PDB file of N, CA and C in Angstrom:
ATOM      1  N   MET A   1     -12.884  16.381  -5.560  1.00  0.00           N
ATOM      2  CA  MET A   1     -12.862  15.709  -5.783  1.00  0.00           C
ATOM      3  C   MET A   1     -13.528  15.069  -4.401  1.00  0.00           C
ATOM      4  N   ILE A   2     -14.298  13.665  -4.184  1.00  0.00           N
ATOM      5  CA  ILE A   2     -14.520  13.265  -2.670  1.00  0.00           C
ATOM      6  C   ILE A   2     -13.451  12.305  -2.075  1.00  0.00           C
ATOM      7  N   THR A   3     -13.123  12.461  -0.875  1.00  0.00           N
ATOM      8  CA  THR A   3     -11.980  11.361  -0.227  1.00  0.00           C
ATOM      9  C   THR A   3     -13.204  10.427   0.246  1.00  0.00           C
ATOM     10  N   ARG A   4     -12.775   9.464   0.953  1.00  0.00           N
ATOM     11  CA  ARG A   4     -13.397   8.576   1.751  1.00  0.00           C
ATOM     12  C   ARG A   4     -12.478   8.353   2.879  1.00  0.00           C
ATOM     13  N   ALA A   5     -13.486   7.996   4.298  1.00  0.00           N
ATOM     14  CA  ALA A   5     -12.596   7.969   5.002  1.00  0.00           C
ATOM     15  C   ALA A   5     -12.836   6.441   6.038  1.00  0.00           C
ATOM     16  N   VAL A   6     -14.158   5.737   4.837  1.00  0.00           N
ATOM     17  CA  VAL A   6     -14.107   4.328   5.784  1.00  0.00           C
ATOM     18  C   VAL A   6     -13.120   3.385   4.341  1.00  0.00           C
ATOM     19  N   THR A   7     -12.094   3.045   4.787  1.00  0.00           N
ATOM     20  CA  THR A   7     -11.046   2.154   4.270  1.00  0.00           C
ATOM     21  C   THR A   7     -11.387   0.788   3.801  1.00  0.00           C
ATOM     22  N   ILE A   8     -11.040   0.454   2.897  1.00  0.00           N
ATOM     23  CA  ILE A   8     -11.566  -1.310   2.533  1.00  0.00           C
ATOM     24  C   ILE A   8     -11.139  -1.695   3.488  1.00  0.00           C
ATOM     25  N   GLU A   9     -10.251  -1.709   4.330  1.00  0.00           N
ATOM     26  CA  GLU A   9      -9.871  -2.688   5.383  1.00  0.00           C
ATOM     27  C   GLU A   9     -10.687  -2.162   6.588  1.00  0.00           C
ATOM     28  N   ASP A  10     -11.338  -1.249   6.855  1.00  0.00           N
ATOM     29  CA  ASP A  10     -12.007  -0.697   7.659  1.00  0.00           C
ATOM     30  C   ASP A  10     -13.821  -1.842   7.268  1.00  0.00           C
ATOM     31  N   ILE A  11     -13.826  -1.792   6.064  1.00  0.00           N
ATOM     32  CA  ILE A  11     -15.113  -2.827   5.287  1.00  0.00           C
ATOM     33  C   ILE A  11     -14.719  -3.972   6.122  1.00  0.00           C
ATOM     34  N   ASP A  12     -13.698  -4.570   5.353  1.00  0.00           N
ATOM     35  CA  ASP A  12     -13.344  -6.282   5.634  1.00  0.00           C
ATOM     36  C   ASP A  12     -13.375  -6.364   7.392  1.00  0.00           C
ATOM     37  N   ASP A  13     -13.033  -5.642   8.179  1.00  0.00           N
ATOM     38  CA  ASP A  13     -13.226  -5.681   9.572  1.00  0.00           C
ATOM     39  C   ASP A  13     -14.568  -6.201  10.045  1.00  0.00           C
ATOM     40  N   LEU A  14     -15.067  -5.105   9.727  1.00  0.00           N
ATOM     41  CA  LEU A  14     -16.494  -4.958   9.963  1.00  0.00           C
ATOM     42  C   LEU A  14     -17.350  -6.382   9.362  1.00  0.00           C
ATOM     43  N   TYR A  15     -17.027  -6.378   8.015  1.00  0.00           N
ATOM     44  CA  TYR A  15     -17.501  -7.581   7.647  1.00  0.00           C
ATOM     45  C   TYR A  15     -17.634  -8.958   8.549  1.00  0.00           C
ATOM     46  N   LEU A  16     -15.853  -8.756   8.417  1.00  0.00           N
ATOM     47  CA  LEU A  16     -15.116  -9.989   9.626  1.00  0.00           C
ATOM     48  C   LEU A  16     -16.224 -10.306  11.200  1.00  0.00           C
ATOM     49  N   THR A  17     -16.149  -8.892  11.413  1.00  0.00           N
ATOM     50  CA  THR A  17     -16.997  -9.359  12.468  1.00  0.00           C
ATOM     51  C   THR A  17     -18.047  -9.502  12.759  1.00  0.00           C
ATOM     52  N   TRP A  18     -19.233  -8.900  11.777  1.00  0.00           N
ATOM     53  CA  TRP A  18     -20.823  -9.600  11.379  1.00  0.00           C
ATOM     54  C   TRP A  18     -21.066 -11.266  11.708  1.00  0.00           C
ATOM     55  N   ASN A  19     -19.872 -11.741  10.715  1.00  0.00           N
ATOM     56  CA  ASN A  19     -20.249 -12.776   9.973  1.00  0.00           C
ATOM     57  C   ASN A  19     -19.309 -13.869  10.609  1.00  0.00           C
ATOM     58  N   SER A  20     -18.282 -13.655  11.258  1.00  0.00           N
ATOM     59  CA  SER A  20     -17.809 -14.962  12.139  1.00  0.00           C
ATOM     60  C   SER A  20     -16.992 -15.517  11.248  1.00  0.00           C
ATOM     61  N   HIS A  21     -16.773 -15.464  10.077  1.00  0.00           N
ATOM     62  CA  HIS A  21     -15.822 -16.387   9.008  1.00  0.00           C
ATOM     63  C   HIS A  21     -14.578 -15.867   8.788  1.00  0.00           C
ATOM     64  N   ILE A  22     -14.318 -16.669   7.653  1.00  0.00           N
ATOM     65  CA  ILE A  22     -12.772 -16.830   7.165  1.00  0.00           C
ATOM     66  C   ILE A  22     -13.135 -15.886   5.557  1.00  0.00           C
ATOM     67  N   ASN A  23     -12.996 -14.959   5.625  1.00  0.00           N
ATOM     68  CA  ASN A  23     -12.716 -14.005   4.162  1.00  0.00           C
ATOM     69  C   ASN A  23     -11.245 -13.741   3.779  1.00  0.00           C
ATOM     70  N   GLY A  24     -10.908 -14.885   2.717  1.00  0.00           N
ATOM     71  CA  GLY A  24      -9.655 -14.913   2.601  1.00  0.00           C
ATOM     72  C   GLY A  24      -8.797 -13.510   1.940  1.00  0.00           C
ATOM     73  N   SER A  25      -9.740 -12.567   1.103  1.00  0.00           N
ATOM     74  CA  SER A  25      -9.230 -11.562   0.541  1.00  0.00           C
ATOM     75  C   SER A  25      -8.824 -10.743   1.959  1.00  0.00           C
ATOM     76  N   ALA A  26      -9.610 -10.610   2.852  1.00  0.00           N
ATOM     77  CA  ALA A  26      -9.275  -9.723   3.990  1.00  0.00           C
ATOM     78  C   ALA A  26      -8.547  -9.765   4.760  1.00  0.00           C
ATOM     79  N   LEU A  27      -8.087 -11.340   4.938  1.00  0.00           N
ATOM     80  CA  LEU A  27      -7.255 -12.016   5.694  1.00  0.00           C
ATOM     81  C   LEU A  27      -5.560 -11.561   5.093  1.00  0.00           C
ATOM     82  N   TYR A  28      -5.558 -11.511   3.765  1.00  0.00           N
ATOM     83  CA  TYR A  28      -4.712 -11.092   2.908  1.00  0.00           C
ATOM     84  C   TYR A  28      -4.250 -10.084   3.162  1.00  0.00           C
ATOM     85  N   ARG A  29      -4.886  -9.165   3.141  1.00  0.00           N
ATOM     86  CA  ARG A  29      -4.966  -7.682   3.349  1.00  0.00           C
ATOM     87  C   ARG A  29      -4.640  -7.244   4.722  1.00  0.00           C
ATOM     88  N   ARG A  30      -5.231  -8.156   5.661  1.00  0.00           N
ATOM     89  CA  ARG A  30      -4.932  -8.081   7.060  1.00  0.00           C
ATOM     90  C   ARG A  30      -3.399  -8.010   7.426  1.00  0.00           C
ATOM     91  N   ALA A  31      -2.562  -9.323   6.728  1.00  0.00           N
ATOM     92  CA  ALA A  31      -1.548  -9.559   6.778  1.00  0.00           C
ATOM     93  C   ALA A  31      -0.513  -8.728   6.271  1.00  0.00           C
ATOM     94  N   LEU A  32      -1.046  -8.558   5.464  1.00  0.00           N
ATOM     95  CA  LEU A  32      -0.219  -7.468   4.614  1.00  0.00           C
ATOM     96  C   LEU A  32      -0.085  -6.166   5.641  1.00  0.00           C
ATOM     97  N   ARG A  33      -1.256  -5.531   5.859  1.00  0.00           N
ATOM     98  CA  ARG A  33      -1.164  -4.538   6.781  1.00  0.00           C
ATOM     99  C   ARG A  33       0.119  -5.050   8.010  1.00  0.00           C
ATOM    100  N   ASP A  34      -0.086  -6.009   8.502  1.00  0.00           N
ATOM    101  CA  ASP A  34       0.658  -6.361   9.783  1.00  0.00           C
ATOM    102  C   ASP A  34       2.303  -6.823   9.329  1.00  0.00           C
ATOM    103  N   GLU A  35       2.382  -6.957   7.857  1.00  0.00           N
ATOM    104  CA  GLU A  35       4.101  -6.793   7.842  1.00  0.00           C
ATOM    105  C   GLU A  35       4.343  -5.390   7.811  1.00  0.00           C
ATOM    106  N   MET A  36       3.544  -4.484   6.693  1.00  0.00           N
ATOM    107  CA  MET A  36       3.989  -3.358   6.989  1.00  0.00           C
ATOM    108  C   MET A  36       4.427  -2.606   8.051  1.00  0.00           C
ATOM    109  N   GLU A  37       3.280  -2.583   8.975  1.00  0.00           N
ATOM    110  CA  GLU A  37       3.420  -2.168  10.435  1.00  0.00           C
ATOM    111  C   GLU A  37       4.995  -2.689  11.156  1.00  0.00           C
ATOM    112  N   LEU A  38       5.040  -4.028  10.500  1.00  0.00           N
ATOM    113  CA  LEU A  38       6.273  -4.696  11.594  1.00  0.00           C
ATOM    114  C   LEU A  38       8.035  -4.241  10.991  1.00  0.00           C
ATOM    115  N   ARG A  39       7.797  -3.650  10.133  1.00  0.00           N
ATOM    116  CA  ARG A  39       8.904  -3.195   9.233  1.00  0.00           C
ATOM    117  C   ARG A  39       8.598  -1.561   8.543  1.00  0.00           C
ATOM    118  N   ASP A  40       7.908  -1.049   9.769  1.00  0.00           N
ATOM    119  CA  ASP A  40       7.778   0.093  10.083  1.00  0.00           C
ATOM    120  C   ASP A  40       7.374   1.213   8.468  1.00  0.00           C
ATOM    121  N   VAL A  41       6.508   0.482   7.894  1.00  0.00           N
ATOM    122  CA  VAL A  41       6.141   1.013   6.703  1.00  0.00           C
ATOM    123  C   VAL A  41       4.499   1.533   6.824  1.00  0.00           C
ATOM    124  N   ASP A  42       4.449   2.927   6.462  1.00  0.00           N
ATOM    125  CA  ASP A  42       3.259   3.174   6.402  1.00  0.00           C
ATOM    126  C   ASP A  42       2.603   3.056   5.203  1.00  0.00           C
ATOM    127  N   PRO A  43       1.540   2.835   5.176  1.00  0.00           N
ATOM    128  CA  PRO A  43       0.738   2.246   3.915  1.00  0.00           C
ATOM    129  C   PRO A  43       0.189   3.245   2.961  1.00  0.00           C
ATOM    130  N   ASP A  44       0.115   4.662   3.693  1.00  0.00           N
ATOM    131  CA  ASP A  44      -0.701   5.522   2.757  1.00  0.00           C
ATOM    132  C   ASP A  44       0.644   6.312   2.746  1.00  0.00           C
ATOM    133  N   GLU A  45       1.680   6.299   3.077  1.00  0.00           N
ATOM    134  CA  GLU A  45       3.028   6.892   2.678  1.00  0.00           C
ATOM    135  C   GLU A  45       3.774   5.870   1.205  1.00  0.00           C
ATOM    136  N   LEU A  46       3.393   4.447   1.556  1.00  0.00           N
ATOM    137  CA  LEU A  46       3.886   3.833   0.679  1.00  0.00           C
ATOM    138  C   LEU A  46       3.032   4.052  -0.896  1.00  0.00           C
ATOM    139  N   ARG A  47       1.517   4.062  -0.552  1.00  0.00           N
ATOM    140  CA  ARG A  47       0.388   4.547  -1.882  1.00  0.00           C
ATOM    141  C   ARG A  47       1.068   5.540  -2.513  1.00  0.00           C
ATOM    142  N   ASP A  48       1.322   6.780  -1.281  1.00  0.00           N
ATOM    143  CA  ASP A  48       1.470   8.027  -2.040  1.00  0.00           C
ATOM    144  C   ASP A  48       2.912   8.305  -3.163  1.00  0.00           C
ATOM    145  N   LEU A  49       4.115   7.140  -2.484  1.00  0.00           N
ATOM    146  CA  LEU A  49       5.400   7.190  -3.041  1.00  0.00           C
ATOM    147  C   LEU A  49       4.702   6.102  -4.947  1.00  0.00           C
ATOM    148  N   PHE A  50       4.037   5.547  -4.223  1.00  0.00           N
ATOM    149  CA  PHE A  50       4.006   4.569  -5.655  1.00  0.00           C
ATOM    150  C   PHE A  50       3.046   5.446  -6.516  1.00  0.00           C
ATOM    151  N   GLU A  51       2.198   6.331  -6.062  1.00  0.00           N
ATOM    152  CA  GLU A  51       1.306   7.324  -6.783  1.00  0.00           C
ATOM    153  C   GLU A  51       2.215   8.480  -7.974  1.00  0.00           C
ATOM    154  N   ARG A  52       3.321   8.717  -6.842  1.00  0.00           N
ATOM    155  CA  ARG A  52       4.120   9.527  -7.058  1.00  0.00           C
ATOM    156  C   ARG A  52       4.941   9.348  -8.278  1.00  0.00           C
ATOM    157  N   ALA A  53       5.677   7.868  -8.290  1.00  0.00           N
ATOM    158  CA  ALA A  53       6.521   7.293  -8.931  1.00  0.00           C
ATOM    159  C   ALA A  53       5.528   7.103 -10.610  1.00  0.00           C
ATOM    160  N   ARG A  54       4.433   6.418 -10.164  1.00  0.00           N
ATOM    161  CA  ARG A  54       3.621   6.437 -11.705  1.00  0.00           C
ATOM    162  C   ARG A  54       3.430   7.533 -12.499  1.00  0.00           C
ATOM    163  N   GLU A  55       3.147   8.626 -11.565  1.00  0.00           N
ATOM    164  CA  GLU A  55       3.167  10.576 -12.375  1.00  0.00           C
ATOM    165  C   GLU A  55       4.418   9.919 -12.692  1.00  0.00           C
ATOM    166  N   GLN A  56       5.719   9.831 -12.451  1.00  0.00           N
ATOM    167  CA  GLN A  56       6.800  10.343 -12.704  1.00  0.00           C
ATOM    168  C   GLN A  56       7.387   9.727 -14.413  1.00  0.00           C
ATOM    169  N   GLY A  57       6.211   8.886 -14.528  1.00  0.00           N
ATOM    170  CA  GLY A  57       6.428   7.776 -15.916  1.00  0.00           C
ATOM    171  C   GLY A  57       6.690   6.722 -15.378  1.00  0.00           C
ATOM    172  N   TYR A  58       6.986   6.019 -14.361  1.00  0.00           N
ATOM    173  CA  TYR A  58       7.376   4.543 -14.246  1.00  0.00           C
ATOM    174  C   TYR A  58       6.209   3.789 -14.350  1.00  0.00           C
ATOM    175  N   THR A  59       6.119   3.002 -14.966  1.00  0.00           N
ATOM    176  CA  THR A  59       5.201   1.810 -15.033  1.00  0.00           C
ATOM    177  C   THR A  59       5.649   1.137 -13.621  1.00  0.00           C
ATOM    178  N   LYS A  60       4.456   0.107 -13.903  1.00  0.00           N
ATOM    179  CA  LYS A  60       4.307  -0.721 -12.114  1.00  0.00           C
ATOM    180  C   LYS A  60       5.603  -1.682 -12.006  1.00  0.00           C
ATOM    181  N   ASP A  61       5.660  -1.963 -13.694  1.00  0.00           N
ATOM    182  CA  ASP A  61       6.892  -3.609 -13.893  1.00  0.00           C
ATOM    183  C   ASP A  61       8.109  -2.677 -13.537  1.00  0.00           C
ATOM    184  N   GLU A  62       8.353  -1.497 -14.180  1.00  0.00           N
ATOM    185  CA  GLU A  62       9.648  -0.644 -14.047  1.00  0.00           C
ATOM    186  C   GLU A  62      10.220  -0.939 -12.367  1.00  0.00           C
ATOM    187  N   ILE A  63       8.648  -0.198 -11.822  1.00  0.00           N
ATOM    188  CA  ILE A  63       9.134   0.040 -10.339  1.00  0.00           C
ATOM    189  C   ILE A  63       9.842  -1.442  -9.574  1.00  0.00           C
ATOM    190  N   VAL A  64       8.987  -2.340 -10.017  1.00  0.00           N
ATOM    191  CA  VAL A  64       9.491  -3.624  -9.592  1.00  0.00           C
ATOM    192  C   VAL A  64      10.610  -4.144  -9.882  1.00  0.00           C
ATOM    193  N   ASP A  65      11.424  -3.616 -11.065  1.00  0.00           N
ATOM    194  CA  ASP A  65      12.832  -3.995 -11.743  1.00  0.00           C
ATOM    195  C   ASP A  65      13.713  -2.914 -10.875  1.00  0.00           C
ATOM    196  N   GLU A  66      12.984  -2.174 -10.347  1.00  0.00           N
ATOM    197  CA  GLU A  66      14.051  -1.125  -9.904  1.00  0.00           C
ATOM    198  C   GLU A  66      14.417  -0.874  -8.557  1.00  0.00           C
ATOM    199  N   THR A  67      13.572  -1.075  -7.817  1.00  0.00           N
ATOM    200  CA  THR A  67      13.011  -1.208  -6.212  1.00  0.00           C
ATOM    201  C   THR A  67      13.048  -2.755  -5.902  1.00  0.00           C
ATOM    202  N   ASN A  68      13.506  -2.882  -5.158  1.00  0.00           N
ATOM    203  CA  ASN A  68      12.682  -3.834  -3.753  1.00  0.00           C
ATOM    204  C   ASN A  68      12.384  -3.505  -2.551  1.00  0.00           C
ATOM    205  N   ARG A  69      12.647  -2.913  -2.102  1.00  0.00           N
ATOM    206  CA  ARG A  69      11.767  -2.121  -0.443  1.00  0.00           C
ATOM    207  C   ARG A  69      11.368  -0.899  -0.423  1.00  0.00           C
ATOM    208  N   TYR A  70      10.878  -0.513   0.099  1.00  0.00           N
ATOM    209  CA  TYR A  70      10.621   0.801   0.838  1.00  0.00           C
ATOM    210  C   TYR A  70      11.382   1.572   0.535  1.00  0.00           C
ATOM    211  N   ALA A  71      12.480   1.715   0.987  1.00  0.00           N
ATOM    212  CA  ALA A  71      13.457   2.895   0.989  1.00  0.00           C
ATOM    213  C   ALA A  71      14.328   3.014  -0.476  1.00  0.00           C
ATOM    214  N   ASP A  72      14.125   2.052  -1.578  1.00  0.00           N
ATOM    215  CA  ASP A  72      14.403   2.200  -2.703  1.00  0.00           C
ATOM    216  C   ASP A  72      13.194   2.868  -3.765  1.00  0.00           C
ATOM    217  N   LEU A  73      12.332   2.347  -2.775  1.00  0.00           N
ATOM    218  CA  LEU A  73      11.426   3.196  -4.026  1.00  0.00           C
ATOM    219  C   LEU A  73      11.365   4.868  -3.627  1.00  0.00           C
ATOM    220  N   LYS A  74      11.541   4.957  -2.299  1.00  0.00           N
ATOM    221  CA  LYS A  74      11.470   6.728  -1.814  1.00  0.00           C
ATOM    222  C   LYS A  74      12.961   7.027  -2.739  1.00  0.00           C
ATOM    223  N   ALA A  75      13.919   6.627  -2.342  1.00  0.00           N
ATOM    224  CA  ALA A  75      15.290   7.013  -3.259  1.00  0.00           C
ATOM    225  C   ALA A  75      14.612   6.843  -4.597  1.00  0.00           C
ATOM    226  N   LEU A  76      14.213   6.130  -5.613  1.00  0.00           N
ATOM    227  CA  LEU A  76      13.908   6.267  -7.157  1.00  0.00           C
ATOM    228  C   LEU A  76      12.925   7.611  -7.148  1.00  0.00           C
ATOM    229  N   VAL A  77      12.118   8.220  -5.911  1.00  0.00           N
ATOM    230  CA  VAL A  77      11.066   8.796  -6.154  1.00  0.00           C
ATOM    231  C   VAL A  77      11.845  10.421  -6.213  1.00  0.00           C
ATOM    232  N   ASP A  78      12.715  10.068  -4.757  1.00  0.00           N
ATOM    233  CA  ASP A  78      13.392  11.263  -4.491  1.00  0.00           C
ATOM    234  C   ASP A  78      14.271  12.045  -5.704  1.00  0.00           C
ATOM    235  N   ASP A  79      14.943  10.616  -6.614  1.00  0.00           N
ATOM    236  CA  ASP A  79      16.172  11.212  -7.168  1.00  0.00           C
ATOM    237  C   ASP A  79      15.334  11.838  -8.811  1.00  0.00           C
ATOM    238  N   ALA A  80      14.480  11.216  -8.622  1.00  0.00           N
ATOM    239  CA  ALA A  80      13.658  11.748 -10.388  1.00  0.00           C
ATOM    240  C   ALA A  80      12.901  12.985  -9.735  1.00  0.00           C
ATOM    241  N   GLU A  81      12.813  13.429  -8.146  1.00  0.00           N
ATOM    242  CA  GLU A  81      12.846  15.034  -8.465  1.00  0.00           C
ATOM    243  C   GLU A  81      13.542  16.091  -8.193  1.00  0.00           C
ATOM    244  N   GLU A  82      14.666  15.525  -8.468  1.00  0.00           N
ATOM    245  CA  GLU A  82      16.088  16.726  -7.928  1.00  0.00           C
ATOM    246  C   GLU A  82      16.494  16.906  -9.336  1.00  0.00           C
TER     247      GLU A  82
END
């Protein structure tokens, strides 16, 4: 499997720097990253938990119905692994 060291966020930042104009999608993702940082949520850990929940058989809708914050998702994944 090939892993990528350049993330979509890196590309967004580069593009915004080059063109000095607003890209709504990039600004939205940046706002989400800032909000996650404010709440001490590591995006990579969140992605990992989400993937693990999906591997355990949960759909995205079930995850949304059963959780409403990072700690809930972590508990859902941890409980299923026990």
